[in-house]
Protein backbone atom coordinates (compact mmCIF):
# COMPACT_ATOMS: atom_id res chain seq x y z
CA UNK A 1 -55.53 16.59 19.11
CA UNK A 2 -55.96 20.38 18.99
CA UNK A 3 -57.93 20.36 22.25
CA UNK A 4 -55.34 18.15 23.92
CA UNK A 5 -52.53 20.43 22.80
CA UNK A 6 -54.41 23.51 23.99
CA UNK A 7 -54.81 21.89 27.42
CA UNK A 8 -51.06 21.26 27.53
CA UNK A 9 -50.37 24.92 26.71
CA UNK A 10 -52.88 25.91 29.38
CA UNK A 11 -50.82 23.95 31.92
CA UNK A 12 -47.38 25.01 30.69
CA UNK A 13 -48.19 28.46 29.23
CA UNK A 14 -46.52 30.40 26.36
CA UNK A 15 -49.22 29.69 23.76
CA UNK A 16 -49.21 33.28 22.29
CA UNK A 17 -45.42 33.07 21.92
CA UNK A 18 -45.71 29.79 20.02
CA UNK A 19 -48.30 31.25 17.63
CA UNK A 20 -46.11 34.29 16.94
CA UNK A 21 -43.12 32.06 16.16
CA UNK A 22 -45.23 29.96 13.80
CA UNK A 23 -46.46 33.05 11.97
CA UNK A 24 -42.92 34.37 11.65
CA UNK A 25 -41.72 31.03 10.24
CA UNK A 26 -44.58 30.61 7.72
CA UNK A 27 -43.41 32.87 4.83
CA UNK A 28 -39.89 31.46 4.40
CA UNK A 29 -40.55 28.53 2.03
CA UNK A 30 -42.99 30.51 -0.10
CA UNK A 31 -40.57 33.46 -0.33
CA UNK A 32 -37.65 31.17 -1.24
CA UNK A 33 -39.72 29.44 -3.94
CA UNK A 34 -40.73 32.79 -5.41
CA UNK A 35 -37.15 34.05 -5.37
CA UNK A 36 -35.89 30.90 -7.14
CA UNK A 37 -38.64 31.04 -9.75
CA UNK A 38 -38.15 34.74 -10.51
CA UNK A 39 -34.38 34.29 -10.75
CA UNK A 40 -34.64 31.39 -13.22
CA UNK A 41 -37.28 33.14 -15.30
CA UNK A 42 -35.33 36.40 -15.67
CA UNK A 43 -32.01 34.59 -16.13
CA UNK A 44 -33.18 32.41 -19.00
CA UNK A 45 -34.98 35.30 -20.65
CA UNK A 46 -31.82 37.42 -20.35
CA UNK A 47 -29.78 34.59 -21.88
CA UNK A 48 -32.23 34.15 -24.76
CA UNK A 49 -32.06 37.91 -25.45
CA UNK A 50 -28.27 38.01 -25.06
CA UNK A 51 -28.51 40.66 -22.32
CA UNK A 52 -25.44 40.15 -20.11
CA UNK A 53 -26.18 43.16 -17.86
CA UNK A 54 -29.65 41.87 -16.96
CA UNK A 55 -28.18 38.46 -16.15
CA UNK A 56 -25.57 39.99 -13.80
CA UNK A 57 -28.19 42.08 -12.02
CA UNK A 58 -30.45 39.03 -11.68
CA UNK A 59 -27.65 36.98 -10.11
CA UNK A 60 -26.77 39.80 -7.72
CA UNK A 61 -30.37 40.32 -6.58
CA UNK A 62 -30.86 36.58 -6.12
CA UNK A 63 -27.70 36.30 -3.99
CA UNK A 64 -28.80 39.18 -1.76
CA UNK A 65 -32.36 37.83 -1.45
CA UNK A 66 -31.12 34.32 -0.57
CA UNK A 67 -28.72 35.68 2.05
CA UNK A 68 -31.43 37.78 3.71
CA UNK A 69 -33.92 34.91 3.66
CA UNK A 70 -31.55 32.44 5.29
CA UNK A 71 -30.46 34.98 7.91
CA UNK A 72 -34.13 35.57 8.70
CA UNK A 73 -34.86 31.84 8.87
CA UNK A 74 -31.86 31.17 11.12
CA UNK A 75 -32.88 33.95 13.50
CA UNK A 76 -36.42 32.58 13.77
CA UNK A 77 -35.20 29.05 14.45
CA UNK A 78 -32.86 30.33 17.19
CA UNK A 79 -35.84 31.91 18.93
CA UNK A 80 -37.86 28.76 18.30
CA UNK A 81 -35.17 26.51 19.80
CA UNK A 82 -35.02 28.66 22.94
CA UNK A 83 -38.80 28.48 23.28
CA UNK A 84 -38.92 24.67 22.86
CA UNK A 85 -36.09 24.17 25.37
CA UNK A 86 -38.00 26.11 28.03
CA UNK A 87 -41.23 24.33 27.14
CA UNK A 88 -39.53 20.92 27.41
CA UNK A 89 -38.21 21.63 30.90
CA UNK A 90 -41.59 22.80 32.17
CA UNK A 91 -43.47 19.89 30.59
CA UNK A 92 -41.17 17.18 31.96
CA UNK A 93 -41.23 18.77 35.40
CA UNK A 94 -45.04 18.89 35.33
CA UNK A 95 -45.36 15.22 34.33
CA UNK A 96 -42.78 14.12 36.91
CA UNK A 97 -44.47 15.89 39.80
CA UNK A 98 -47.85 14.59 38.64
CA UNK A 99 -46.55 11.03 38.95
CA UNK A 100 -44.82 11.70 42.27
CA UNK A 101 -47.94 13.24 43.88
CA UNK A 102 -50.37 10.75 42.36
CA UNK A 103 -52.56 8.72 44.77
CA UNK A 104 -51.10 5.29 45.36
CA UNK A 105 -54.26 3.55 44.17
CA UNK A 106 -54.03 5.22 40.78
CA UNK A 107 -50.27 4.70 40.61
CA UNK A 108 -50.64 1.00 41.35
CA UNK A 109 -53.09 0.54 38.47
CA UNK A 110 -50.24 0.60 35.94
CA UNK A 111 -46.86 -1.09 35.77
CA UNK A 112 -43.56 0.68 36.36
CA UNK A 113 -42.70 0.22 32.70
CA UNK A 114 -45.84 2.06 31.64
CA UNK A 115 -45.09 5.01 33.95
CA UNK A 116 -41.54 5.19 32.62
CA UNK A 117 -42.88 5.17 29.06
CA UNK A 118 -45.29 8.01 29.85
CA UNK A 119 -42.58 10.06 31.56
CA UNK A 120 -40.04 9.65 28.75
CA UNK A 121 -41.48 8.44 25.45
CA UNK A 122 -44.91 10.08 25.66
CA UNK A 123 -43.50 13.39 26.88
CA UNK A 124 -40.95 13.34 24.04
CA UNK A 125 -43.69 12.65 21.50
CA UNK A 126 -45.57 15.70 22.79
CA UNK A 127 -42.46 17.83 22.42
CA UNK A 128 -41.93 16.42 18.92
CA UNK A 129 -45.27 17.91 17.89
CA UNK A 130 -43.80 21.38 18.42
CA UNK A 131 -40.33 21.16 16.93
CA UNK A 132 -39.44 17.80 15.36
CA UNK A 133 -39.19 17.39 11.57
CA UNK A 134 -42.52 16.74 9.83
CA UNK A 135 -44.74 18.02 12.62
CA UNK A 136 -46.89 21.09 13.31
CA UNK A 137 -44.40 23.80 12.16
CA UNK A 138 -43.70 22.06 8.86
CA UNK A 139 -47.39 21.33 8.28
CA UNK A 140 -48.23 25.02 8.64
CA UNK A 141 -45.31 26.08 6.43
CA UNK A 142 -46.33 23.57 3.74
CA UNK A 143 -49.90 24.93 3.62
CA UNK A 144 -48.63 28.49 3.10
CA UNK A 145 -46.16 27.36 0.44
CA UNK A 146 -48.81 25.34 -1.44
CA UNK A 147 -51.26 28.26 -1.38
CA UNK A 148 -48.78 30.87 -2.64
CA UNK A 149 -47.25 28.59 -5.28
CA UNK A 150 -50.68 27.57 -6.56
CA UNK A 151 -51.78 31.18 -7.01
CA UNK A 152 -48.55 32.07 -8.85
CA UNK A 153 -48.74 28.98 -11.08
CA UNK A 154 -52.39 29.73 -11.85
CA UNK A 155 -51.35 33.25 -12.84
CA UNK A 156 -48.72 31.90 -15.26
CA UNK A 157 -50.93 29.31 -16.97
CA UNK A 158 -54.12 27.71 -15.71
CA UNK A 159 -53.53 24.61 -17.88
CA UNK A 160 -50.32 23.79 -16.03
CA UNK A 161 -52.15 24.20 -12.73
CA UNK A 162 -54.83 21.73 -13.81
CA UNK A 163 -52.21 19.16 -14.86
CA UNK A 164 -50.45 19.59 -11.52
CA UNK A 165 -53.68 18.94 -9.61
CA UNK A 166 -54.39 15.83 -11.70
CA UNK A 167 -51.22 14.27 -10.29
CA UNK A 168 -51.26 15.75 -6.78
CA UNK A 169 -54.83 14.79 -5.83
CA UNK A 170 -54.37 11.01 -6.45
CA UNK A 171 -51.18 11.18 -4.42
CA UNK A 172 -53.08 12.66 -1.47
CA UNK A 173 -55.92 10.14 -1.77
CA UNK A 174 -53.62 7.12 -1.88
CA UNK A 175 -51.65 8.29 1.16
CA UNK A 176 -54.79 9.03 3.14
CA UNK A 177 -56.30 5.61 2.44
CA UNK A 178 -53.19 3.48 2.87
CA UNK A 179 -50.98 5.44 5.30
CA UNK A 180 -52.64 8.31 7.15
CA UNK A 181 -55.67 6.42 8.53
CA UNK A 182 -53.69 3.34 9.63
CA UNK A 183 -50.68 4.82 11.34
CA UNK A 184 -52.44 5.95 14.56
CA UNK A 185 -53.68 2.46 15.40
CA UNK A 186 -50.29 0.97 14.66
CA UNK A 187 -48.57 3.58 16.82
CA UNK A 188 -50.89 2.85 19.77
CA UNK A 189 -50.06 -0.84 19.47
CA UNK A 190 -46.36 -0.05 19.31
CA UNK A 191 -46.56 2.01 22.52
CA UNK A 192 -48.41 -0.79 24.32
CA UNK A 193 -45.83 -3.36 23.26
CA UNK A 194 -43.03 -1.00 24.33
CA UNK A 195 -44.58 -0.75 27.79
CA UNK A 196 -44.75 -4.54 28.11
CA UNK A 197 -41.17 -4.87 26.94
CA UNK A 198 -39.92 -2.26 29.41
CA UNK A 199 -41.85 -3.93 32.25
CA UNK A 200 -40.31 -7.32 31.47
CA UNK A 201 -36.85 -5.78 31.24
CA UNK A 202 -37.34 -3.97 34.56
CA UNK A 203 -38.41 -7.24 36.17
CA UNK A 204 -35.26 -8.99 34.95
CA UNK A 205 -33.04 -6.29 36.45
CA UNK A 206 -34.74 -5.22 39.67
CA UNK A 207 -36.30 -8.56 40.65
CA UNK A 208 -33.46 -10.86 39.63
CA UNK A 209 -33.19 -12.47 43.09
CA UNK A 210 -36.92 -13.23 43.30
CA UNK A 211 -36.96 -14.61 39.74
CA UNK A 212 -34.01 -16.84 40.58
CA UNK A 213 -35.61 -17.96 43.87
CA UNK A 214 -38.74 -19.22 42.13
CA UNK A 215 -36.78 -20.60 39.15
CA UNK A 216 -38.73 -18.34 36.78
CA UNK A 217 -35.88 -17.24 34.51
CA UNK A 218 -37.24 -19.11 31.50
CA UNK A 219 -40.74 -17.71 31.99
CA UNK A 220 -39.58 -14.10 32.33
CA UNK A 221 -37.13 -14.38 29.44
CA UNK A 222 -39.83 -15.85 27.22
CA UNK A 223 -42.18 -12.97 28.14
CA UNK A 224 -39.40 -10.47 27.38
CA UNK A 225 -38.68 -12.16 24.05
CA UNK A 226 -42.35 -12.19 23.08
CA UNK A 227 -42.85 -8.51 23.95
CA UNK A 228 -39.71 -7.59 21.98
CA UNK A 229 -40.97 -9.44 18.91
CA UNK A 230 -44.40 -7.79 19.16
CA UNK A 231 -42.78 -4.37 19.46
CA UNK A 232 -40.56 -4.98 16.42
CA UNK A 233 -43.48 -6.30 14.35
CA UNK A 234 -45.60 -3.23 15.16
CA UNK A 235 -42.75 -0.88 14.22
CA UNK A 236 -42.16 -2.81 10.99
CA UNK A 237 -45.84 -2.41 10.04
CA UNK A 238 -45.46 1.35 10.56
CA UNK A 239 -42.36 1.43 8.34
CA UNK A 240 -44.17 -0.55 5.63
CA UNK A 241 -46.95 2.05 5.59
CA UNK A 242 -44.36 4.81 5.24
CA UNK A 243 -42.69 2.88 2.42
CA UNK A 244 -45.94 3.09 0.46
CA UNK A 245 -45.58 6.87 0.53
CA UNK A 246 -42.02 6.58 -0.80
CA UNK A 247 -43.32 4.42 -3.65
CA UNK A 248 -46.09 6.87 -4.59
CA UNK A 249 -43.78 9.92 -4.74
CA UNK A 250 -41.84 9.00 -7.94
CA UNK A 251 -44.95 7.48 -9.52
CA UNK A 252 -46.95 10.71 -9.48
CA UNK A 253 -44.03 13.15 -9.26
CA UNK A 254 -41.89 12.27 -12.27
CA UNK A 255 -44.82 11.40 -14.53
CA UNK A 256 -46.30 14.83 -13.80
CA UNK A 257 -43.04 16.52 -14.78
CA UNK A 258 -42.98 14.63 -18.10
CA UNK A 259 -46.52 15.76 -18.96
CA UNK A 260 -45.79 19.40 -18.07
CA UNK A 261 -42.58 19.39 -20.14
CA UNK A 262 -44.48 18.06 -23.15
CA UNK A 263 -47.20 20.68 -22.74
CA UNK A 264 -44.55 23.36 -22.26
CA UNK A 265 -42.86 22.33 -25.51
CA UNK A 266 -46.16 22.68 -27.38
CA UNK A 267 -46.88 26.08 -25.83
CA UNK A 268 -43.39 27.40 -26.58
CA UNK A 269 -43.71 26.34 -30.22
CA UNK A 270 -47.04 28.17 -30.42
CA UNK A 271 -45.53 31.25 -28.70
CA UNK A 272 -47.94 30.90 -25.77
CA UNK A 273 -45.08 30.55 -23.30
CA UNK A 274 -41.41 31.43 -23.05
CA UNK A 275 -38.70 29.08 -21.81
CA UNK A 276 -38.03 31.35 -18.82
CA UNK A 277 -41.70 31.31 -17.83
CA UNK A 278 -41.75 27.51 -18.16
CA UNK A 279 -38.82 27.18 -15.74
CA UNK A 280 -40.65 29.41 -13.26
CA UNK A 281 -43.78 27.25 -13.66
CA UNK A 282 -41.71 24.13 -12.96
CA UNK A 283 -40.42 25.74 -9.78
CA UNK A 284 -43.94 26.49 -8.58
CA UNK A 285 -45.10 23.02 -9.57
CA UNK A 286 -42.21 21.49 -7.64
CA UNK A 287 -43.07 23.63 -4.61
CA UNK A 288 -46.68 22.43 -4.73
CA UNK A 289 -45.59 18.80 -4.94
CA UNK A 290 -42.97 19.15 -2.21
CA UNK A 291 -45.40 21.07 -0.03
CA UNK A 292 -48.00 18.33 -0.49
CA UNK A 293 -45.52 15.60 0.42
CA UNK A 294 -44.35 17.64 3.41
CA UNK A 295 -47.94 18.11 4.55
CA UNK A 296 -48.76 14.39 4.19
CA UNK A 297 -45.63 13.32 6.07
CA UNK A 298 -46.26 15.96 8.73
CA UNK A 299 -49.85 14.84 9.28
CA UNK A 300 -48.68 11.23 9.56
CA UNK A 301 -46.07 12.15 12.18
CA UNK A 302 -48.56 14.40 14.00
CA UNK A 303 -51.02 11.51 14.32
CA UNK A 304 -48.26 9.27 15.65
CA UNK A 305 -47.08 11.81 18.21
CA UNK A 306 -50.66 12.67 19.19
CA UNK A 307 -50.86 9.16 20.67
CA UNK A 308 -48.21 10.11 23.20
CA UNK A 309 -49.96 13.44 23.84
CA UNK A 310 -53.25 11.75 24.75
CA UNK A 311 -51.54 9.20 26.99
CA UNK A 312 -49.54 11.90 28.73
CA UNK A 313 -52.73 13.84 29.44
CA UNK A 314 -53.95 10.92 31.50
CA UNK A 315 -50.79 11.20 33.59
CA UNK A 316 -51.00 14.84 34.59
CA UNK A 317 -54.80 14.92 34.77
CA UNK A 318 -55.62 16.77 31.55
CA UNK A 319 -58.36 14.23 30.91
CA UNK A 320 -59.65 11.11 32.56
CA UNK A 321 -57.79 7.93 31.89
CA UNK A 322 -59.42 4.83 30.58
């Protein structure tokens, strides 16, 4: 997938700009998590000590930090949206002219529905890799957030970090075995069924006179119905795989919180931890879990959209078609 994407950037350009925008976007989630954790820690410690001045200063600093962070994030996404808009125009133009100037022999090898799918659906899937939710930007951001939050949680208490890993690692393994490895094959099947469906629909519209002349309405309608059912079944199998992920999240997420709260209660009673520090640890633990879920969902979507990227490469000549 990385090689295919690099070939697309080689055709369209602007790869250094994309890397700079990714690097600028990376720190936001980690910085926001740190700001939330520090605010809660100092606020609860100020409350426990009855220090009203410290609480006011903590609230003021948190408000200023949040405002600056969201202004920064909004500015980066404005630049990112401008970049993706330009990239989309160049990519669609490149694919369109590749189809228009393609030798007739190669063009005639595929149906009109398949070419329409490659021009629209596959090109959109390639664009989704760059800017859609749960794709490359969010995968990179999640890795940075997980790394920073893990280091900060380890600094607070290594025991809490170990407990967090005991619940996060099974979550990753289950998703990889039951969701991540299956979704690419299902997505390829879905695209093939979509092509058949679009071809049948195009035949019904553009060749209506010929179909009527040969009394083939029932045959064409049956083919259209069958392709529609196959397309729906393939998409339903994809949704069922995603539903497994939604089932695993509360199973490992909430049970992990219960264990950490019980451990935190024991540590507070033994004066090994303060309540403010425990709230900060919960923030970092939540960031690790959310970052892990974001990374898993992003990798699933990336694999799905990579199917369109590989198919689109065959259209503009990035690699040889099958």
